[in-house]
Amino acid sequence: MADIKQELKSADDQQNYAGSNSNDPKNVQELTQYVQTLLQGMQDKFQTMSDQIITRIDEMGNRIDDLEKNIADLMTQAGVEGPDK
């Protein structure tokens, strides 16, 4: 008896799942298009994030260069010799 109830529940779950996902692809061509669209969206987001990271790294490099210059200027004003490079 418990097995029959479990099978009925499983069948109901499958029907509910199938009914709630009406946007799912219906054939291989739709599935291929769906996957390509998802991959393109992921690639676009990855490229945007990559560009933002590179921009921030460049900005950080410029700020470090400015900081090094300011420190060198302060050391010169204080009469301290800078490290030999």
PDB file of N, CA and C in Angstrom:
ATOM      1  N   MET A   1       0.819  -1.188   0.000  1.00  0.00           N
ATOM      2  CA  MET A   1       0.000   0.000   0.000  1.00  0.00           C
ATOM      3  C   MET A   1       0.870   1.262   0.000  1.00  0.00           C
ATOM      4  N   ALA A   2       1.918   1.231   0.827  1.00  0.00           N
ATOM      5  CA  ALA A   2       2.806   2.381   0.902  1.00  0.00           C
ATOM      6  C   ALA A   2       3.532   2.586  -0.423  1.00  0.00           C
ATOM      7  N   ASP A   3       3.850   1.481  -1.112  1.00  0.00           N
ATOM      8  CA  ASP A   3       4.526   1.587  -2.403  1.00  0.00           C
ATOM      9  C   ASP A   3       3.643   2.270  -3.436  1.00  0.00           C
ATOM     10  N   ILE A   4       2.352   1.959  -3.425  1.00  0.00           N
ATOM     11  CA  ILE A   4       1.408   2.566  -4.368  1.00  0.00           C
ATOM     12  C   ILE A   4       1.297   4.057  -4.100  1.00  0.00           C
ATOM     13  N   LYS A   5       1.202   4.443  -2.830  1.00  0.00           N
ATOM     14  CA  LYS A   5       1.131   5.866  -2.485  1.00  0.00           C
ATOM     15  C   LYS A   5       2.395   6.593  -2.940  1.00  0.00           C
ATOM     16  N   GLN A   6       3.532   5.945  -2.747  1.00  0.00           N
ATOM     17  CA  GLN A   6       4.798   6.558  -3.151  1.00  0.00           C
ATOM     18  C   GLN A   6       4.843   6.727  -4.670  1.00  0.00           C
ATOM     19  N   GLU A   7       4.384   5.726  -5.424  1.00  0.00           N
ATOM     20  CA  GLU A   7       4.375   5.817  -6.886  1.00  0.00           C
ATOM     21  C   GLU A   7       3.431   6.920  -7.355  1.00  0.00           C
ATOM     22  N   LEU A   8       2.260   7.042  -6.718  1.00  0.00           N
ATOM     23  CA  LEU A   8       1.318   8.094  -7.084  1.00  0.00           C
ATOM     24  C   LEU A   8       1.905   9.463  -6.778  1.00  0.00           C
ATOM     25  N   LYS A   9       2.550   9.590  -5.631  1.00  0.00           N
ATOM     26  CA  LYS A   9       3.172  10.868  -5.274  1.00  0.00           C
ATOM     27  C   LYS A   9       4.269  11.214  -6.275  1.00  0.00           C
ATOM     28  N   SER A  10       5.052  10.232  -6.667  1.00  0.00           N
ATOM     29  CA  SER A  10       6.121  10.459  -7.627  1.00  0.00           C
ATOM     30  C   SER A  10       5.556  10.902  -8.976  1.00  0.00           C
ATOM     31  N   ALA A  11       4.469  10.289  -9.417  1.00  0.00           N
ATOM     32  CA  ALA A  11       3.828  10.657 -10.678  1.00  0.00           C
ATOM     33  C   ALA A  11       3.267  12.072 -10.602  1.00  0.00           C
ATOM     34  N   ASP A  12       2.669  12.416  -9.461  1.00  0.00           N
ATOM     35  CA  ASP A  12       2.143  13.766  -9.278  1.00  0.00           C
ATOM     36  C   ASP A  12       3.265  14.798  -9.301  1.00  0.00           C
ATOM     37  N   ASP A  13       4.373  14.488  -8.645  1.00  0.00           N
ATOM     38  CA  ASP A  13       5.512  15.398  -8.629  1.00  0.00           C
ATOM     39  C   ASP A  13       6.034  15.640 -10.043  1.00  0.00           C
ATOM     40  N   GLN A  14       6.108  14.583 -10.835  1.00  0.00           N
ATOM     41  CA  GLN A  14       6.589  14.721 -12.209  1.00  0.00           C
ATOM     42  C   GLN A  14       5.635  15.582 -13.035  1.00  0.00           C
ATOM     43  N   GLN A  15       4.335  15.402 -12.853  1.00  0.00           N
ATOM     44  CA  GLN A  15       3.370  16.204 -13.596  1.00  0.00           C
ATOM     45  C   GLN A  15       3.440  17.665 -13.166  1.00  0.00           C
ATOM     46  N   ASN A  16       3.577  17.917 -11.881  1.00  0.00           N
ATOM     47  CA  ASN A  16       3.693  19.289 -11.389  1.00  0.00           C
ATOM     48  C   ASN A  16       4.951  19.945 -11.930  1.00  0.00           C
ATOM     49  N   TYR A  17       6.034  19.196 -11.958  1.00  0.00           N
ATOM     50  CA  TYR A  17       7.288  19.738 -12.472  1.00  0.00           C
ATOM     51  C   TYR A  17       7.161  20.064 -13.958  1.00  0.00           C
ATOM     52  N   ALA A  18       6.598  19.147 -14.708  1.00  0.00           N
ATOM     53  CA  ALA A  18       6.453  19.359 -16.143  1.00  0.00           C
ATOM     54  C   ALA A  18       5.506  20.518 -16.429  1.00  0.00           C
ATOM     55  N   GLY A  19       4.464  20.647 -15.653  1.00  0.00           N
ATOM     56  CA  GLY A  19       3.495  21.713 -15.873  1.00  0.00           C
ATOM     57  C   GLY A  19       4.022  23.080 -15.488  1.00  0.00           C
ATOM     58  N   SER A  20       4.905  23.137 -14.499  1.00  0.00           N
ATOM     59  CA  SER A  20       5.389  24.432 -14.028  1.00  0.00           C
ATOM     60  C   SER A  20       6.526  24.977 -14.872  1.00  0.00           C
ATOM     61  N   ASN A  21       7.132  24.167 -15.691  1.00  0.00           N
ATOM     62  CA  ASN A  21       8.257  24.604 -16.519  1.00  0.00           C
ATOM     63  C   ASN A  21       7.836  24.713 -17.987  1.00  0.00           C
ATOM     64  N   SER A  22       6.882  25.573 -18.261  1.00  0.00           N
ATOM     65  CA  SER A  22       6.382  25.701 -19.624  1.00  0.00           C
ATOM     66  C   SER A  22       7.386  26.390 -20.530  1.00  0.00           C
ATOM     67  N   ASN A  23       8.420  27.041 -19.973  1.00  0.00           N
ATOM     68  CA  ASN A  23       9.435  27.701 -20.782  1.00  0.00           C
ATOM     69  C   ASN A  23      10.563  26.758 -21.182  1.00  0.00           C
ATOM     70  N   ASP A  24      10.498  25.513 -20.739  1.00  0.00           N
ATOM     71  CA  ASP A  24      11.538  24.561 -21.087  1.00  0.00           C
ATOM     72  C   ASP A  24      11.520  24.279 -22.583  1.00  0.00           C
ATOM     73  N   PRO A  25      12.694  24.070 -23.176  1.00  0.00           N
ATOM     74  CA  PRO A  25      12.757  23.739 -24.606  1.00  0.00           C
ATOM     75  C   PRO A  25      12.004  22.444 -24.898  1.00  0.00           C
ATOM     76  N   LYS A  26      11.389  22.403 -26.061  1.00  0.00           N
ATOM     77  CA  LYS A  26      10.568  21.244 -26.424  1.00  0.00           C
ATOM     78  C   LYS A  26      11.289  20.264 -27.342  1.00  0.00           C
ATOM     79  N   ASN A  27      12.359  20.719 -28.015  1.00  0.00           N
ATOM     80  CA  ASN A  27      13.078  19.824 -28.897  1.00  0.00           C
ATOM     81  C   ASN A  27      14.563  20.184 -28.882  1.00  0.00           C
ATOM     82  N   VAL A  28      15.356  19.437 -29.633  1.00  0.00           N
ATOM     83  CA  VAL A  28      16.804  19.629 -29.619  1.00  0.00           C
ATOM     84  C   VAL A  28      17.183  21.005 -30.163  1.00  0.00           C
ATOM     85  N   GLN A  29      16.504  21.465 -31.188  1.00  0.00           N
ATOM     86  CA  GLN A  29      16.824  22.773 -31.760  1.00  0.00           C
ATOM     87  C   GLN A  29      16.563  23.887 -30.750  1.00  0.00           C
ATOM     88  N   GLU A  30      15.443  23.840 -30.063  1.00  0.00           N
ATOM     89  CA  GLU A  30      15.140  24.841 -29.044  1.00  0.00           C
ATOM     90  C   GLU A  30      16.131  24.739 -27.892  1.00  0.00           C
ATOM     91  N   LEU A  31      16.484  23.522 -27.516  1.00  0.00           N
ATOM     92  CA  LEU A  31      17.457  23.314 -26.443  1.00  0.00           C
ATOM     93  C   LEU A  31      18.806  23.906 -26.829  1.00  0.00           C
ATOM     94  N   THR A  32      19.231  23.675 -28.058  1.00  0.00           N
ATOM     95  CA  THR A  32      20.507  24.212 -28.534  1.00  0.00           C
ATOM     96  C   THR A  32      20.484  25.735 -28.497  1.00  0.00           C
ATOM     97  N   GLN A  33      19.413  26.329 -28.960  1.00  0.00           N
ATOM     98  CA  GLN A  33      19.288  27.789 -28.958  1.00  0.00           C
ATOM     99  C   GLN A  33      19.281  28.326 -27.530  1.00  0.00           C
ATOM    100  N   TYR A  34      18.575  27.641 -26.659  1.00  0.00           N
ATOM    101  CA  TYR A  34      18.493  28.035 -25.250  1.00  0.00           C
ATOM    102  C   TYR A  34      19.882  28.010 -24.597  1.00  0.00           C
ATOM    103  N   VAL A  35      20.620  26.932 -24.826  1.00  0.00           N
ATOM    104  CA  VAL A  35      21.958  26.802 -24.250  1.00  0.00           C
ATOM    105  C   VAL A  35      22.895  27.860 -24.833  1.00  0.00           C
ATOM    106  N   GLN A  36      22.819  28.098 -26.135  1.00  0.00           N
ATOM    107  CA  GLN A  36      23.665  29.121 -26.752  1.00  0.00           C
ATOM    108  C   GLN A  36      23.369  30.506 -26.175  1.00  0.00           C
ATOM    109  N   THR A  37      22.103  30.786 -25.953  1.00  0.00           N
ATOM    110  CA  THR A  37      21.722  32.074 -25.372  1.00  0.00           C
ATOM    111  C   THR A  37      22.267  32.210 -23.950  1.00  0.00           C
ATOM    112  N   LEU A  38      22.137  31.153 -23.164  1.00  0.00           N
ATOM    113  CA  LEU A  38      22.680  31.175 -21.808  1.00  0.00           C
ATOM    114  C   LEU A  38      24.190  31.370 -21.816  1.00  0.00           C
ATOM    115  N   LEU A  39      24.878  30.641 -22.673  1.00  0.00           N
ATOM    116  CA  LEU A  39      26.336  30.755 -22.748  1.00  0.00           C
ATOM    117  C   LEU A  39      26.760  32.149 -23.200  1.00  0.00           C
ATOM    118  N   GLN A  40      26.048  32.721 -24.151  1.00  0.00           N
ATOM    119  CA  GLN A  40      26.381  34.067 -24.625  1.00  0.00           C
ATOM    120  C   GLN A  40      26.191  35.081 -23.497  1.00  0.00           C
ATOM    121  N   GLY A  41      25.114  34.930 -22.744  1.00  0.00           N
ATOM    122  CA  GLY A  41      24.877  35.823 -21.610  1.00  0.00           C
ATOM    123  C   GLY A  41      25.977  35.710 -20.565  1.00  0.00           C
ATOM    124  N   MET A  42      26.397  34.479 -20.281  1.00  0.00           N
ATOM    125  CA  MET A  42      27.480  34.269 -19.322  1.00  0.00           C
ATOM    126  C   MET A  42      28.780  34.861 -19.837  1.00  0.00           C
ATOM    127  N   GLN A  43      29.049  34.678 -21.125  1.00  0.00           N
ATOM    128  CA  GLN A  43      30.270  35.217 -21.717  1.00  0.00           C
ATOM    129  C   GLN A  43      30.264  36.746 -21.657  1.00  0.00           C
ATOM    130  N   ASP A  44      29.138  37.359 -21.943  1.00  0.00           N
ATOM    131  CA  ASP A  44      29.029  38.823 -21.877  1.00  0.00           C
ATOM    132  C   ASP A  44      29.287  39.331 -20.459  1.00  0.00           C
ATOM    133  N   LYS A  45      28.685  38.664 -19.464  1.00  0.00           N
ATOM    134  CA  LYS A  45      28.889  39.071 -18.080  1.00  0.00           C
ATOM    135  C   LYS A  45      30.344  38.886 -17.665  1.00  0.00           C
ATOM    136  N   PHE A  46      30.939  37.779 -18.081  1.00  0.00           N
ATOM    137  CA  PHE A  46      32.338  37.521 -17.752  1.00  0.00           C
ATOM    138  C   PHE A  46      33.233  38.586 -18.373  1.00  0.00           C
ATOM    139  N   GLN A  47      32.971  38.955 -19.621  1.00  0.00           N
ATOM    140  CA  GLN A  47      33.778  39.971 -20.292  1.00  0.00           C
ATOM    141  C   GLN A  47      33.640  41.319 -19.592  1.00  0.00           C
ATOM    142  N   THR A  48      32.431  41.670 -19.188  1.00  0.00           N
ATOM    143  CA  THR A  48      32.206  42.931 -18.470  1.00  0.00           C
ATOM    144  C   THR A  48      32.974  42.947 -17.156  1.00  0.00           C
ATOM    145  N   MET A  49      32.888  41.854 -16.411  1.00  0.00           N
ATOM    146  CA  MET A  49      33.604  41.774 -15.146  1.00  0.00           C
ATOM    147  C   MET A  49      35.108  41.814 -15.361  1.00  0.00           C
ATOM    148  N   SER A  50      35.580  41.137 -16.382  1.00  0.00           N
ATOM    149  CA  SER A  50      37.007  41.130 -16.695  1.00  0.00           C
ATOM    150  C   SER A  50      37.494  42.534 -17.034  1.00  0.00           C
ATOM    151  N   ASP A  51      36.732  43.246 -17.841  1.00  0.00           N
ATOM    152  CA  ASP A  51      37.090  44.631 -18.190  1.00  0.00           C
ATOM    153  C   ASP A  51      37.128  45.520 -16.949  1.00  0.00           C
ATOM    154  N   GLN A  52      36.154  45.343 -16.057  1.00  0.00           N
ATOM    155  CA  GLN A  52      36.127  46.141 -14.834  1.00  0.00           C
ATOM    156  C   GLN A  52      37.343  45.844 -13.957  1.00  0.00           C
ATOM    157  N   ILE A  53      37.720  44.589 -13.861  1.00  0.00           N
ATOM    158  CA  ILE A  53      38.880  44.208 -13.052  1.00  0.00           C
ATOM    159  C   ILE A  53      40.149  44.812 -13.627  1.00  0.00           C
ATOM    160  N   ILE A  54      40.314  44.739 -14.936  1.00  0.00           N
ATOM    161  CA  ILE A  54      41.510  45.296 -15.582  1.00  0.00           C
ATOM    162  C   ILE A  54      41.572  46.802 -15.377  1.00  0.00           C
ATOM    163  N   THR A  55      40.436  47.474 -15.507  1.00  0.00           N
ATOM    164  CA  THR A  55      40.393  48.921 -15.280  1.00  0.00           C
ATOM    165  C   THR A  55      40.805  49.258 -13.851  1.00  0.00           C
ATOM    166  N   ARG A  56      40.292  48.521 -12.892  1.00  0.00           N
ATOM    167  CA  ARG A  56      40.629  48.775 -11.490  1.00  0.00           C
ATOM    168  C   ARG A  56      42.100  48.495 -11.207  1.00  0.00           C
ATOM    169  N   ILE A  57      42.658  47.471 -11.814  1.00  0.00           N
ATOM    170  CA  ILE A  57      44.079  47.173 -11.638  1.00  0.00           C
ATOM    171  C   ILE A  57      44.918  48.301 -12.211  1.00  0.00           C
ATOM    172  N   ASP A  58      44.547  48.800 -13.387  1.00  0.00           N
ATOM    173  CA  ASP A  58      45.269  49.929 -13.982  1.00  0.00           C
ATOM    174  C   ASP A  58      45.201  51.165 -13.084  1.00  0.00           C
ATOM    175  N   GLU A  59      44.002  51.446 -12.562  1.00  0.00           N
ATOM    176  CA  GLU A  59      43.849  52.591 -11.659  1.00  0.00           C
ATOM    177  C   GLU A  59      44.697  52.417 -10.403  1.00  0.00           C
ATOM    178  N   MET A  60      44.723  51.207  -9.869  1.00  0.00           N
ATOM    179  CA  MET A  60      45.510  50.938  -8.679  1.00  0.00           C
ATOM    180  C   MET A  60      47.002  51.121  -8.982  1.00  0.00           C
ATOM    181  N   GLY A  61      47.443  50.692 -10.139  1.00  0.00           N
ATOM    182  CA  GLY A  61      48.835  50.877 -10.531  1.00  0.00           C
ATOM    183  C   GLY A  61      49.195  52.348 -10.617  1.00  0.00           C
ATOM    184  N   ASN A  62      48.304  53.151 -11.185  1.00  0.00           N
ATOM    185  CA  ASN A  62      48.542  54.599 -11.267  1.00  0.00           C
ATOM    186  C   ASN A  62      48.609  55.231  -9.880  1.00  0.00           C
ATOM    187  N   ARG A  63      47.736  54.801  -9.001  1.00  0.00           N
ATOM    188  CA  ARG A  63      47.744  55.348  -7.640  1.00  0.00           C
ATOM    189  C   ARG A  63      49.018  54.959  -6.903  1.00  0.00           C
ATOM    190  N   ILE A  64      49.487  53.738  -7.115  1.00  0.00           N
ATOM    191  CA  ILE A  64      50.739  53.300  -6.482  1.00  0.00           C
ATOM    192  C   ILE A  64      51.913  54.122  -7.020  1.00  0.00           C
ATOM    193  N   ASP A  65      51.922  54.355  -8.334  1.00  0.00           N
ATOM    194  CA  ASP A  65      52.983  55.190  -8.917  1.00  0.00           C
ATOM    195  C   ASP A  65      52.972  56.586  -8.305  1.00  0.00           C
ATOM    196  N   ASP A  66      51.787  57.174  -8.163  1.00  0.00           N
ATOM    197  CA  ASP A  66      51.663  58.502  -7.555  1.00  0.00           C
ATOM    198  C   ASP A  66      52.137  58.483  -6.105  1.00  0.00           C
ATOM    199  N   LEU A  67      51.773  57.445  -5.378  1.00  0.00           N
ATOM    200  CA  LEU A  67      52.183  57.329  -3.984  1.00  0.00           C
ATOM    201  C   LEU A  67      53.707  57.228  -3.874  1.00  0.00           C
ATOM    202  N   GLU A  68      54.314  56.413  -4.735  1.00  0.00           N
ATOM    203  CA  GLU A  68      55.774  56.281  -4.720  1.00  0.00           C
ATOM    204  C   GLU A  68      56.447  57.626  -5.008  1.00  0.00           C
ATOM    205  N   LYS A  69      55.884  58.379  -5.965  1.00  0.00           N
ATOM    206  CA  LYS A  69      56.445  59.693  -6.300  1.00  0.00           C
ATOM    207  C   LYS A  69      56.319  60.645  -5.114  1.00  0.00           C
ATOM    208  N   ASN A  70      55.152  60.649  -4.468  1.00  0.00           N
ATOM    209  CA  ASN A  70      54.939  61.514  -3.308  1.00  0.00           C
ATOM    210  C   ASN A  70      55.887  61.163  -2.160  1.00  0.00           C
ATOM    211  N   ILE A  71      56.097  59.876  -1.934  1.00  0.00           N
ATOM    212  CA  ILE A  71      57.010  59.446  -0.874  1.00  0.00           C
ATOM    213  C   ILE A  71      58.436  59.897  -1.205  1.00  0.00           C
ATOM    214  N   ALA A  72      58.825  59.739  -2.468  1.00  0.00           N
ATOM    215  CA  ALA A  72      60.165  60.177  -2.876  1.00  0.00           C
ATOM    216  C   ALA A  72      60.311  61.685  -2.683  1.00  0.00           C
ATOM    217  N   ASP A  73      59.296  62.459  -3.033  1.00  0.00           N
ATOM    218  CA  ASP A  73      59.335  63.915  -2.844  1.00  0.00           C
ATOM    219  C   ASP A  73      59.457  64.274  -1.360  1.00  0.00           C
ATOM    220  N   LEU A  74      58.687  63.601  -0.518  1.00  0.00           N
ATOM    221  CA  LEU A  74      58.754  63.865   0.918  1.00  0.00           C
ATOM    222  C   LEU A  74      60.128  63.520   1.485  1.00  0.00           C
ATOM    223  N   MET A  75      60.696  62.422   1.009  1.00  0.00           N
ATOM    224  CA  MET A  75      62.027  62.031   1.486  1.00  0.00           C
ATOM    225  C   MET A  75      63.069  63.060   1.053  1.00  0.00           C
ATOM    226  N   THR A  76      62.923  63.581  -0.154  1.00  0.00           N
ATOM    227  CA  THR A  76      63.849  64.611  -0.642  1.00  0.00           C
ATOM    228  C   THR A  76      63.711  65.869   0.205  1.00  0.00           C
ATOM    229  N   GLN A  77      62.494  66.267   0.486  1.00  0.00           N
ATOM    230  CA  GLN A  77      62.262  67.466   1.316  1.00  0.00           C
ATOM    231  C   GLN A  77      62.815  67.284   2.722  1.00  0.00           C
ATOM    232  N   ALA A  78      62.759  66.058   3.222  1.00  0.00           N
ATOM    233  CA  ALA A  78      63.235  65.797   4.573  1.00  0.00           C
ATOM    234  C   ALA A  78      64.758  65.604   4.608  1.00  0.00           C
ATOM    235  N   GLY A  79      65.384  65.541   3.445  1.00  0.00           N
ATOM    236  CA  GLY A  79      66.836  65.368   3.372  1.00  0.00           C
ATOM    237  C   GLY A  79      67.282  63.937   3.532  1.00  0.00           C
ATOM    238  N   VAL A  80      66.349  63.020   3.350  1.00  0.00           N
ATOM    239  CA  VAL A  80      66.683  61.595   3.435  1.00  0.00           C
ATOM    240  C   VAL A  80      66.922  61.074   2.024  1.00  0.00           C
ATOM    241  N   GLU A  81      68.021  60.307   1.851  1.00  0.00           N
ATOM    242  CA  GLU A  81      68.278  59.758   0.530  1.00  0.00           C
ATOM    243  C   GLU A  81      67.369  58.556   0.294  1.00  0.00           C
ATOM    244  N   GLY A  82      66.892  58.448  -0.920  1.00  0.00           N
ATOM    245  CA  GLY A  82      66.028  57.339  -1.273  1.00  0.00           C
ATOM    246  C   GLY A  82      66.832  56.078  -1.504  1.00  0.00           C
ATOM    247  N   PRO A  83      66.169  54.950  -1.569  1.00  0.00           N
ATOM    248  CA  PRO A  83      66.879  53.678  -1.811  1.00  0.00           C
ATOM    249  C   PRO A  83      67.439  53.652  -3.226  1.00  0.00           C
ATOM    250  N   ASP A  84      68.597  53.028  -3.368  1.00  0.00           N
ATOM    251  CA  ASP A  84      69.215  52.901  -4.699  1.00  0.00           C
ATOM    252  C   ASP A  84      68.436  51.852  -5.499  1.00  0.00           C
ATOM    253  N   LYS A  85      68.206  52.205  -6.751  1.00  0.00           N
ATOM    254  CA  LYS A  85      67.465  51.251  -7.607  1.00  0.00           C
ATOM    255  C   LYS A  85      68.373  50.681  -8.656  1.00  0.00           C
TER     256      LYS A  85
END
